[in-house]
Each structure stands twice: as C-alpha cells, then as structure tokens.
Amino acid sequence: PLAVLGFAIAGYHNLLYYGFISEALTPCTQGV
C-alpha cells in the first residue's frame, strides 16, 4: 500500500512537473 500510494503521488508530480497537468491543480500553494 505504501509503494502504490507513493507511486501515485510520484506519477502525479511528474505529470505536473512536465506540464501535462495545470499548475492550478497543485497542492504547492506555499513555498517551493
């Protein structure tokens, strides 16, 4: 379960990082 959840967040992070997902859908509102 930990590996699956970590993989899902890492996948989402990569989609966001490479611009496939809008930055409006990010939890990173403060800080980096």
ModelCIF file with pLDDT and N, C-alpha, C, O atoms, coordinates in Angstrom:
data_MODEL
#
_entry.id   MODEL 
#
_entity.id                         1 
_entity.type                       polymer 
_entity.pdbx_number_of_molecules   1 
#
_entity_poly.entity_id                      1 
_entity_poly.type                           'polypeptide(L)' 
_entity_poly.nstd_linkage                   no 
_entity_poly.nstd_monomer                   no 
_entity_poly.pdbx_seq_one_letter_code       PLAVLGFAIAGYHNLLYYGFISEALTPCTQGV 
_entity_poly.pdbx_seq_one_letter_code_can   PLAVLGFAIAGYHNLLYYGFISEALTPCTQGV 
_entity_poly.pdbx_strand_id                 A 
#
loop_
_entity_poly_seq.entity_id 
_entity_poly_seq.num 
_entity_poly_seq.mon_id 
_entity_poly_seq.hetero 
1 1  PRO n 
1 2  LEU n 
1 3  ALA n 
1 4  VAL n 
1 5  LEU n 
1 6  GLY n 
1 7  PHE n 
1 8  ALA n 
1 9  ILE n 
1 10 ALA n 
1 11 GLY n 
1 12 TYR n 
1 13 HIS n 
1 14 ASN n 
1 15 LEU n 
1 16 LEU n 
1 17 TYR n 
1 18 TYR n 
1 19 GLY n 
1 20 PHE n 
1 21 ILE n 
1 22 SER n 
1 23 GLU n 
1 24 ALA n 
1 25 LEU n 
1 26 THR n 
1 27 PRO n 
1 28 CYS n 
1 29 THR n 
1 30 GLN n 
1 31 GLY n 
1 32 VAL n 
#
_struct_asym.id          A 
_struct_asym.entity_id   1 
#
loop_
_ma_qa_metric.id 
_ma_qa_metric.mode 
_ma_qa_metric.name 
_ma_qa_metric.software_group_id 
_ma_qa_metric.type 
1 global pLDDT . pLDDT 
2 local  pLDDT . pLDDT 
#
_ma_qa_metric_global.metric_id      1 
_ma_qa_metric_global.metric_value   82.19 
_ma_qa_metric_global.model_id       1 
_ma_qa_metric_global.ordinal_id     1 
#
loop_
_ma_qa_metric_local.label_asym_id 
_ma_qa_metric_local.label_comp_id 
_ma_qa_metric_local.label_seq_id 
_ma_qa_metric_local.metric_id 
_ma_qa_metric_local.metric_value 
_ma_qa_metric_local.model_id 
_ma_qa_metric_local.ordinal_id 
A PRO 1  2 95.00 1 1  
A LEU 2  2 96.00 1 2  
A ALA 3  2 96.00 1 3  
A VAL 4  2 97.00 1 4  
A LEU 5  2 97.00 1 5  
A GLY 6  2 96.00 1 6  
A PHE 7  2 96.00 1 7  
A ALA 8  2 96.00 1 8  
A ILE 9  2 94.00 1 9  
A ALA 10 2 94.00 1 10 
A GLY 11 2 94.00 1 11 
A TYR 12 2 92.00 1 12 
A HIS 13 2 89.00 1 13 
A ASN 14 2 89.00 1 14 
A LEU 15 2 90.00 1 15 
A LEU 16 2 87.00 1 16 
A TYR 17 2 83.00 1 17 
A TYR 18 2 82.00 1 18 
A GLY 19 2 79.00 1 19 
A PHE 20 2 79.00 1 20 
A ILE 21 2 78.00 1 21 
A SER 22 2 72.00 1 22 
A GLU 23 2 69.00 1 23 
A ALA 24 2 68.00 1 24 
A LEU 25 2 66.00 1 25 
A THR 26 2 64.00 1 26 
A PRO 27 2 65.00 1 27 
A CYS 28 2 64.00 1 28 
A THR 29 2 62.00 1 29 
A GLN 30 2 67.00 1 30 
A GLY 31 2 64.00 1 31 
A VAL 32 2 70.00 1 32 
#
loop_
_atom_site.group_PDB 
_atom_site.id 
_atom_site.type_symbol 
_atom_site.label_atom_id 
_atom_site.label_alt_id 
_atom_site.label_comp_id 
_atom_site.label_asym_id 
_atom_site.label_entity_id 
_atom_site.label_seq_id 
_atom_site.pdbx_PDB_ins_code 
_atom_site.Cartn_x 
_atom_site.Cartn_y 
_atom_site.Cartn_z 
_atom_site.occupancy 
_atom_site.B_iso_or_equiv 
_atom_site.pdbx_formal_charge 
_atom_site.auth_seq_id 
_atom_site.auth_comp_id 
_atom_site.auth_asym_id 
_atom_site.auth_atom_id 
_atom_site.pdbx_PDB_model_num 
ATOM 1   N N  . PRO A 1 1  ? 0.813  -1.229 0.000   1.00 95.00 ? 1  PRO A N  1 
ATOM 2   C CA . PRO A 1 1  ? 0.000  0.000  0.000   1.00 95.00 ? 1  PRO A CA 1 
ATOM 3   C C  . PRO A 1 1  ? 0.845  1.277  0.000   1.00 95.00 ? 1  PRO A C  1 
ATOM 4   O O  . PRO A 1 1  ? 0.496  2.253  -0.665  1.00 95.00 ? 1  PRO A O  1 
ATOM 5   N N  . LEU A 1 2  ? 1.944  1.271  0.738   1.00 96.00 ? 2  LEU A N  1 
ATOM 6   C CA . LEU A 1 2  ? 2.809  2.445  0.768   1.00 96.00 ? 2  LEU A CA 1 
ATOM 7   C C  . LEU A 1 2  ? 3.451  2.688  -0.584  1.00 96.00 ? 2  LEU A C  1 
ATOM 8   O O  . LEU A 1 2  ? 3.541  3.831  -1.033  1.00 96.00 ? 2  LEU A O  1 
ATOM 9   N N  . ALA A 1 3  ? 3.901  1.622  -1.239  1.00 96.00 ? 3  ALA A N  1 
ATOM 10  C CA . ALA A 1 3  ? 4.535  1.758  -2.547  1.00 96.00 ? 3  ALA A CA 1 
ATOM 11  C C  . ALA A 1 3  ? 3.534  2.231  -3.600  1.00 96.00 ? 3  ALA A C  1 
ATOM 12  O O  . ALA A 1 3  ? 3.881  3.048  -4.453  1.00 96.00 ? 3  ALA A O  1 
ATOM 13  N N  . VAL A 1 4  ? 2.308  1.732  -3.553  1.00 97.00 ? 4  VAL A N  1 
ATOM 14  C CA . VAL A 1 4  ? 1.285  2.145  -4.528  1.00 97.00 ? 4  VAL A CA 1 
ATOM 15  C C  . VAL A 1 4  ? 0.944  3.624  -4.354  1.00 97.00 ? 4  VAL A C  1 
ATOM 16  O O  . VAL A 1 4  ? 0.862  4.363  -5.335  1.00 97.00 ? 4  VAL A O  1 
ATOM 17  N N  . LEU A 1 5  ? 0.748  4.052  -3.120  1.00 97.00 ? 5  LEU A N  1 
ATOM 18  C CA . LEU A 1 5  ? 0.427  5.465  -2.873  1.00 97.00 ? 5  LEU A CA 1 
ATOM 19  C C  . LEU A 1 5  ? 1.602  6.374  -3.232  1.00 97.00 ? 5  LEU A C  1 
ATOM 20  O O  . LEU A 1 5  ? 1.407  7.444  -3.809  1.00 97.00 ? 5  LEU A O  1 
ATOM 21  N N  . GLY A 1 6  ? 2.812  5.953  -2.894  1.00 96.00 ? 6  GLY A N  1 
ATOM 22  C CA . GLY A 1 6  ? 3.996  6.733  -3.279  1.00 96.00 ? 6  GLY A CA 1 
ATOM 23  C C  . GLY A 1 6  ? 4.134  6.829  -4.782  1.00 96.00 ? 6  GLY A C  1 
ATOM 24  O O  . GLY A 1 6  ? 4.474  7.888  -5.310  1.00 96.00 ? 6  GLY A O  1 
ATOM 25  N N  . PHE A 1 7  ? 3.872  5.726  -5.481  1.00 96.00 ? 7  PHE A N  1 
ATOM 26  C CA . PHE A 1 7  ? 3.927  5.712  -6.946  1.00 96.00 ? 7  PHE A CA 1 
ATOM 27  C C  . PHE A 1 7  ? 2.879  6.663  -7.534  1.00 96.00 ? 7  PHE A C  1 
ATOM 28  O O  . PHE A 1 7  ? 3.165  7.387  -8.487  1.00 96.00 ? 7  PHE A O  1 
ATOM 29  N N  . ALA A 1 8  ? 1.676  6.663  -6.972  1.00 96.00 ? 8  ALA A N  1 
ATOM 30  C CA . ALA A 1 8  ? 0.613  7.534  -7.485  1.00 96.00 ? 8  ALA A CA 1 
ATOM 31  C C  . ALA A 1 8  ? 0.986  9.006  -7.319  1.00 96.00 ? 8  ALA A C  1 
ATOM 32  O O  . ALA A 1 8  ? 0.783  9.803  -8.235  1.00 96.00 ? 8  ALA A O  1 
ATOM 33  N N  . ILE A 1 9  ? 1.521  9.363  -6.177  1.00 94.00 ? 9  ILE A N  1 
ATOM 34  C CA . ILE A 1 9  ? 1.918  10.755 -5.948  1.00 94.00 ? 9  ILE A CA 1 
ATOM 35  C C  . ILE A 1 9  ? 3.098  11.123 -6.838  1.00 94.00 ? 9  ILE A C  1 
ATOM 36  O O  . ILE A 1 9  ? 3.145  12.228 -7.378  1.00 94.00 ? 9  ILE A O  1 
ATOM 37  N N  . ALA A 1 10 ? 4.048  10.210 -6.994  1.00 94.00 ? 10 ALA A N  1 
ATOM 38  C CA . ALA A 1 10 ? 5.205  10.470 -7.871  1.00 94.00 ? 10 ALA A CA 1 
ATOM 39  C C  . ALA A 1 10 ? 4.749  10.624 -9.322  1.00 94.00 ? 10 ALA A C  1 
ATOM 40  O O  . ALA A 1 10 ? 5.266  11.477 -10.044 1.00 94.00 ? 10 ALA A O  1 
ATOM 41  N N  . GLY A 1 11 ? 3.797  9.817  -9.748  1.00 94.00 ? 11 GLY A N  1 
ATOM 42  C CA . GLY A 1 11 ? 3.266  9.946  -11.110 1.00 94.00 ? 11 GLY A CA 1 
ATOM 43  C C  . GLY A 1 11 ? 2.583  11.280 -11.318 1.00 94.00 ? 11 GLY A C  1 
ATOM 44  O O  . GLY A 1 11 ? 2.793  11.943 -12.334 1.00 94.00 ? 11 GLY A O  1 
ATOM 45  N N  . TYR A 1 12 ? 1.751  11.681 -10.341 1.00 92.00 ? 12 TYR A N  1 
ATOM 46  C CA . TYR A 1 12 ? 1.087  12.981 -10.407 1.00 92.00 ? 12 TYR A CA 1 
ATOM 47  C C  . TYR A 1 12 ? 2.110  14.110 -10.441 1.00 92.00 ? 12 TYR A C  1 
ATOM 48  O O  . TYR A 1 12 ? 1.959  15.073 -11.193 1.00 92.00 ? 12 TYR A O  1 
ATOM 49  N N  . HIS A 1 13 ? 3.152  13.984 -9.621  1.00 89.00 ? 13 HIS A N  1 
ATOM 50  C CA . HIS A 1 13 ? 4.188  15.007 -9.558  1.00 89.00 ? 13 HIS A CA 1 
ATOM 51  C C  . HIS A 1 13 ? 4.902  15.145 -10.905 1.00 89.00 ? 13 HIS A C  1 
ATOM 52  O O  . HIS A 1 13 ? 5.183  16.260 -11.344 1.00 89.00 ? 13 HIS A O  1 
ATOM 53  N N  . ASN A 1 14 ? 5.193  14.027 -11.556 1.00 89.00 ? 14 ASN A N  1 
ATOM 54  C CA . ASN A 1 14 ? 5.839  14.072 -12.869 1.00 89.00 ? 14 ASN A CA 1 
ATOM 55  C C  . ASN A 1 14 ? 4.935  14.699 -13.917 1.00 89.00 ? 14 ASN A C  1 
ATOM 56  O O  . ASN A 1 14 ? 5.399  15.491 -14.737 1.00 89.00 ? 14 ASN A O  1 
ATOM 57  N N  . LEU A 1 15 ? 3.648  14.357 -13.904 1.00 90.00 ? 15 LEU A N  1 
ATOM 58  C CA . LEU A 1 15 ? 2.710  14.964 -14.852 1.00 90.00 ? 15 LEU A CA 1 
ATOM 59  C C  . LEU A 1 15 ? 2.642  16.477 -14.648 1.00 90.00 ? 15 LEU A C  1 
ATOM 60  O O  . LEU A 1 15 ? 2.562  17.236 -15.614 1.00 90.00 ? 15 LEU A O  1 
ATOM 61  N N  . LEU A 1 16 ? 2.675  16.901 -13.411 1.00 87.00 ? 16 LEU A N  1 
ATOM 62  C CA . LEU A 1 16 ? 2.663  18.329 -13.094 1.00 87.00 ? 16 LEU A CA 1 
ATOM 63  C C  . LEU A 1 16 ? 3.979  18.982 -13.506 1.00 87.00 ? 16 LEU A C  1 
ATOM 64  O O  . LEU A 1 16 ? 3.985  20.065 -14.091 1.00 87.00 ? 16 LEU A O  1 
ATOM 65  N N  . TYR A 1 17 ? 5.086  18.323 -13.202 1.00 83.00 ? 17 TYR A N  1 
ATOM 66  C CA . TYR A 1 17 ? 6.418  18.866 -13.484 1.00 83.00 ? 17 TYR A CA 1 
ATOM 67  C C  . TYR A 1 17 ? 6.632  19.076 -14.979 1.00 83.00 ? 17 TYR A C  1 
ATOM 68  O O  . TYR A 1 17 ? 7.191  20.092 -15.393 1.00 83.00 ? 17 TYR A O  1 
ATOM 69  N N  . TYR A 1 18 ? 6.192  18.126 -15.780 1.00 82.00 ? 18 TYR A N  1 
ATOM 70  C CA . TYR A 1 18 ? 6.400  18.204 -17.227 1.00 82.00 ? 18 TYR A CA 1 
ATOM 71  C C  . TYR A 1 18 ? 5.266  18.920 -17.959 1.00 82.00 ? 18 TYR A C  1 
ATOM 72  O O  . TYR A 1 18 ? 5.250  18.936 -19.189 1.00 82.00 ? 18 TYR A O  1 
ATOM 73  N N  . GLY A 1 19 ? 4.318  19.513 -17.231 1.00 79.00 ? 19 GLY A N  1 
ATOM 74  C CA . GLY A 1 19 ? 3.301  20.361 -17.825 1.00 79.00 ? 19 GLY A CA 1 
ATOM 75  C C  . GLY A 1 19 ? 2.083  19.660 -18.385 1.00 79.00 ? 19 GLY A C  1 
ATOM 76  O O  . GLY A 1 19 ? 1.296  20.281 -19.099 1.00 79.00 ? 19 GLY A O  1 
ATOM 77  N N  . PHE A 1 20 ? 1.901  18.370 -18.079 1.00 79.00 ? 20 PHE A N  1 
ATOM 78  C CA . PHE A 1 20 ? 0.712  17.672 -18.549 1.00 79.00 ? 20 PHE A CA 1 
ATOM 79  C C  . PHE A 1 20 ? -0.513 18.005 -17.709 1.00 79.00 ? 20 PHE A C  1 
ATOM 80  O O  . PHE A 1 20 ? -1.648 17.835 -18.154 1.00 79.00 ? 20 PHE A O  1 
ATOM 81  N N  . ILE A 1 21 ? -0.276 18.479 -16.498 1.00 78.00 ? 21 ILE A N  1 
ATOM 82  C CA . ILE A 1 21 ? -1.344 18.919 -15.593 1.00 78.00 ? 21 ILE A CA 1 
ATOM 83  C C  . ILE A 1 21 ? -1.104 20.384 -15.277 1.00 78.00 ? 21 ILE A C  1 
ATOM 84  O O  . ILE A 1 21 ? 0.035  20.805 -15.075 1.00 78.00 ? 21 ILE A O  1 
ATOM 85  N N  . SER A 1 22 ? -2.170 21.152 -15.235 1.00 72.00 ? 22 SER A N  1 
ATOM 86  C CA . SER A 1 22 ? -2.078 22.582 -14.949 1.00 72.00 ? 22 SER A CA 1 
ATOM 87  C C  . SER A 1 22 ? -1.579 22.814 -13.526 1.00 72.00 ? 22 SER A C  1 
ATOM 88  O O  . SER A 1 22 ? -1.901 22.052 -12.615 1.00 72.00 ? 22 SER A O  1 
ATOM 89  N N  . GLU A 1 23 ? -0.795 23.868 -13.344 1.00 69.00 ? 23 GLU A N  1 
ATOM 90  C CA . GLU A 1 23 ? -0.321 24.214 -12.002 1.00 69.00 ? 23 GLU A CA 1 
ATOM 91  C C  . GLU A 1 23 ? -1.453 24.660 -11.091 1.00 69.00 ? 23 GLU A C  1 
ATOM 92  O O  . GLU A 1 23 ? -1.268 24.758 -9.878  1.00 69.00 ? 23 GLU A O  1 
ATOM 93  N N  . ALA A 1 24 ? -2.621 24.933 -11.658 1.00 68.00 ? 24 ALA A N  1 
ATOM 94  C CA . ALA A 1 24 ? -3.780 25.290 -10.843 1.00 68.00 ? 24 ALA A CA 1 
ATOM 95  C C  . ALA A 1 24 ? -4.246 24.093 -10.014 1.00 68.00 ? 24 ALA A C  1 
ATOM 96  O O  . ALA A 1 24 ? -4.932 24.274 -9.008  1.00 68.00 ? 24 ALA A O  1 
ATOM 97  N N  . LEU A 1 25 ? -3.884 22.875 -10.422 1.00 66.00 ? 25 LEU A N  1 
ATOM 98  C CA . LEU A 1 25 ? -4.294 21.662 -9.716  1.00 66.00 ? 25 LEU A CA 1 
ATOM 99  C C  . LEU A 1 25 ? -3.203 21.135 -8.793  1.00 66.00 ? 25 LEU A C  1 
ATOM 100 O O  . LEU A 1 25 ? -3.123 19.929 -8.557  1.00 66.00 ? 25 LEU A O  1 
ATOM 101 N N  . THR A 1 26 ? -2.382 22.005 -8.279  1.00 64.00 ? 26 THR A N  1 
ATOM 102 C CA . THR A 1 26 ? -1.259 21.589 -7.446  1.00 64.00 ? 26 THR A CA 1 
ATOM 103 C C  . THR A 1 26 ? -1.487 21.961 -5.982  1.00 64.00 ? 26 THR A C  1 
ATOM 104 O O  . THR A 1 26 ? -2.082 22.997 -5.686  1.00 64.00 ? 26 THR A O  1 
ATOM 105 N N  . PRO A 1 27 ? -1.010 21.112 -5.068  1.00 65.00 ? 27 PRO A N  1 
ATOM 106 C CA . PRO A 1 27 ? -1.098 21.452 -3.651  1.00 65.00 ? 27 PRO A CA 1 
ATOM 107 C C  . PRO A 1 27 ? 0.011  22.402 -3.218  1.00 65.00 ? 27 PRO A C  1 
ATOM 108 O O  . PRO A 1 27 ? 0.048  22.826 -2.063  1.00 65.00 ? 27 PRO A O  1 
ATOM 109 N N  . CYS A 1 28 ? 0.910  22.737 -4.129  1.00 64.00 ? 28 CYS A N  1 
ATOM 110 C CA . CYS A 1 28 ? 2.067  23.572 -3.794  1.00 64.00 ? 28 CYS A CA 1 
ATOM 111 C C  . CYS A 1 28 ? 1.692  25.050 -3.888  1.00 64.00 ? 28 CYS A C  1 
ATOM 112 O O  . CYS A 1 28 ? 2.115  25.745 -4.812  1.00 64.00 ? 28 CYS A O  1 
ATOM 113 N N  . THR A 1 29 ? 0.909  25.520 -2.945  1.00 62.00 ? 29 THR A N  1 
ATOM 114 C CA . THR A 1 29 ? 0.496  26.921 -2.971  1.00 62.00 ? 29 THR A CA 1 
ATOM 115 C C  . THR A 1 29 ? 1.432  27.804 -2.161  1.00 62.00 ? 29 THR A C  1 
ATOM 116 O O  . THR A 1 29 ? 1.488  29.013 -2.387  1.00 62.00 ? 29 THR A O  1 
ATOM 117 N N  . GLN A 1 30 ? 2.162  27.227 -1.229  1.00 67.00 ? 30 GLN A N  1 
ATOM 118 C CA . GLN A 1 30 ? 3.115  27.991 -0.430  1.00 67.00 ? 30 GLN A CA 1 
ATOM 119 C C  . GLN A 1 30 ? 4.484  27.338 -0.545  1.00 67.00 ? 30 GLN A C  1 
ATOM 120 O O  . GLN A 1 30 ? 4.590  26.124 -0.725  1.00 67.00 ? 30 GLN A O  1 
ATOM 121 N N  . GLY A 1 31 ? 5.504  28.128 -0.442  1.00 64.00 ? 31 GLY A N  1 
ATOM 122 C CA . GLY A 1 31 ? 6.857  27.592 -0.505  1.00 64.00 ? 31 GLY A CA 1 
ATOM 123 C C  . GLY A 1 31 ? 7.287  27.298 -1.924  1.00 64.00 ? 31 GLY A C  1 
ATOM 124 O O  . GLY A 1 31 ? 6.952  28.035 -2.852  1.00 64.00 ? 31 GLY A O  1 
ATOM 125 N N  . VAL A 1 32 ? 8.030  26.218 -2.090  1.00 70.00 ? 32 VAL A N  1 
ATOM 126 C CA . VAL A 1 32 ? 8.602  25.843 -3.377  1.00 70.00 ? 32 VAL A CA 1 
ATOM 127 C C  . VAL A 1 32 ? 7.512  25.308 -4.302  1.00 70.00 ? 32 VAL A C  1 
ATOM 128 O O  . VAL A 1 32 ? 7.796  24.937 -5.441  1.00 70.00 ? 32 VAL A O  1 
#
